[in-house]
C-alpha atoms as a PDB file:
ATOM      1  CA  MET A   1     -62.684 -30.644  -2.157  1.00  0.00           C
ATOM      2  CA  THR A   2     -59.572 -32.950  -2.351  1.00  0.00           C
ATOM      3  CA  VAL A   3     -55.679 -31.658  -3.022  1.00  0.00           C
ATOM      4  CA  ALA A   4     -56.102 -33.589  -6.664  1.00  0.00           C
ATOM      5  CA  ALA A   5     -59.205 -31.887  -7.724  1.00  0.00           C
ATOM      6  CA  LEU A   6     -56.769 -28.446  -7.337  1.00  0.00           C
ATOM      7  CA  GLN A   7     -54.599 -27.146 -10.047  1.00  0.00           C
ATOM      8  CA  PHE A   8     -51.411 -25.184  -9.323  1.00  0.00           C
ATOM      9  CA  GLU A   9     -48.790 -23.747 -11.209  1.00  0.00           C
ATOM     10  CA  THR A  10     -46.411 -24.207  -8.046  1.00  0.00           C
ATOM     11  CA  VAL A  11     -47.061 -25.749  -5.031  1.00  0.00           C
ATOM     12  CA  LEU A  12     -44.813 -24.644  -1.879  1.00  0.00           C
ATOM     13  CA  ILE A  13     -44.794 -27.102   1.108  1.00  0.00           C
ATOM     14  CA  ILE A  14     -43.141 -25.390   3.978  1.00  0.00           C
ATOM     15  CA  GLY A  15     -42.730 -28.291   6.562  1.00  0.00           C
ATOM     16  CA  ALA A  16     -42.417 -30.926   4.027  1.00  0.00           C
ATOM     17  CA  GLY A  17     -41.425 -33.103   6.829  1.00  0.00           C
ATOM     18  CA  GLU A  18     -40.748 -36.842   5.657  1.00  0.00           C
ATOM     19  CA  GLY A  19     -42.304 -36.470   2.679  1.00  0.00           C
ATOM     20  CA  ASP A  20     -45.640 -38.299   4.048  1.00  0.00           C
ATOM     21  CA  ASP A  21     -47.887 -36.168   1.812  1.00  0.00           C
ATOM     22  CA  LEU A  22     -46.215 -35.649  -1.614  1.00  0.00           C
ATOM     23  CA  GLN A  23     -47.991 -38.313  -3.338  1.00  0.00           C
ATOM     24  CA  ASP A  24     -51.278 -35.790  -2.734  1.00  0.00           C
ATOM     25  CA  TRP A  25     -49.567 -32.774  -3.633  1.00  0.00           C
ATOM     26  CA  GLN A  26     -47.617 -34.462  -7.070  1.00  0.00           C
ATOM     27  CA  SER A  27     -51.200 -35.460  -7.695  1.00  0.00           C
ATOM     28  CA  THR A  28     -52.255 -31.346  -8.507  1.00  0.00           C
ATOM     29  CA  ASP A  29     -49.832 -32.098 -11.827  1.00  0.00           C
ATOM     30  CA  ALA A  30     -48.188 -28.551 -10.519  1.00  0.00           C
ATOM     31  CA  LYS A  31     -45.083 -28.122 -12.871  1.00  0.00           C
ATOM     32  CA  ARG A  32     -42.923 -27.390  -9.705  1.00  0.00           C
ATOM     33  CA  ILE A  33     -43.382 -28.251  -6.398  1.00  0.00           C
ATOM     34  CA  ILE A  34     -41.361 -26.833  -3.906  1.00  0.00           C
ATOM     35  CA  LEU A  35     -40.456 -28.446  -0.590  1.00  0.00           C
ATOM     36  CA  VAL A  36     -38.864 -26.236   2.686  1.00  0.00           C
ATOM     37  CA  GLU A  37     -38.249 -28.188   5.559  1.00  0.00           C
ATOM     38  CA  PRO A  38     -35.837 -26.602   8.455  1.00  0.00           C
ATOM     39  CA  ASN A  39     -35.318 -30.231   9.989  1.00  0.00           C
ATOM     40  CA  PRO A  40     -32.248 -31.907   8.994  1.00  0.00           C
ATOM     41  CA  ALA A  41     -33.500 -35.124  10.629  1.00  0.00           C
ATOM     42  CA  CYS A  42     -36.051 -35.525   7.996  1.00  0.00           C
ATOM     43  CA  ALA A  43     -33.702 -35.076   4.888  1.00  0.00           C
ATOM     44  CA  PRO A  44     -33.040 -38.855   4.402  1.00  0.00           C
ATOM     45  CA  ALA A  45     -36.608 -39.714   4.551  1.00  0.00           C
ATOM     46  CA  LEU A  46     -37.443 -36.792   2.451  1.00  0.00           C
ATOM     47  CA  LYS A  47     -35.131 -37.165  -0.245  1.00  0.00           C
ATOM     48  CA  LYS A  48     -36.137 -41.073  -0.241  1.00  0.00           C
ATOM     49  CA  ALA A  49     -39.994 -40.215  -0.563  1.00  0.00           C
ATOM     50  CA  MET A  50     -38.993 -37.387  -3.709  1.00  0.00           C
ATOM     51  CA  MET A  51     -36.758 -40.102  -5.454  1.00  0.00           C
ATOM     52  CA  LEU A  52     -39.578 -42.739  -5.313  1.00  0.00           C
ATOM     53  CA  ILE A  53     -42.032 -40.256  -6.967  1.00  0.00           C
ATOM     54  CA  PHE A  54     -39.657 -39.003  -9.569  1.00  0.00           C
ATOM     55  CA  THR A  55     -38.711 -42.880 -10.843  1.00  0.00           C
ATOM     56  CA  GLN A  56     -42.496 -43.583 -10.759  1.00  0.00           C
ATOM     57  CA  ASN A  57     -42.923 -40.613 -12.749  1.00  0.00           C
ATOM     58  CA  LEU A  58     -40.051 -41.142 -15.609  1.00  0.00           C
ATOM     59  CA  ALA A  59     -41.478 -44.877 -15.815  1.00  0.00           C
ATOM     60  CA  GLY A  60     -44.740 -43.839 -16.396  1.00  0.00           C
ATOM     61  CA  LYS A  61     -43.303 -41.212 -18.887  1.00  0.00           C
ATOM     62  CA  ALA A  62     -41.502 -44.777 -20.801  1.00  0.00           C
ATOM     63  CA  ASP A  63     -44.857 -46.430 -21.336  1.00  0.00           C
ATOM     64  CA  ASN A  64     -45.800 -43.676 -23.535  1.00  0.00           C
ATOM     65  CA  PHE A  65     -42.897 -44.287 -25.744  1.00  0.00           C
ATOM     66  CA  HIS A  66     -43.186 -46.963 -28.487  1.00  0.00           C
END
């Protein structure tokens, strides 16, 4: 079973790293995704990955408005 086939209310990712798997978890349509990453060196790349998904989501929702 792929991650996209799963349905979750909340996803808790412990060890989010640099966000390499965020796109997969985002595809679950979870209402909330909580990221935990104890290594501060991963923070810049994780933040960048989060912002990329956030802006993609906003762009997709904007297409629904006419």
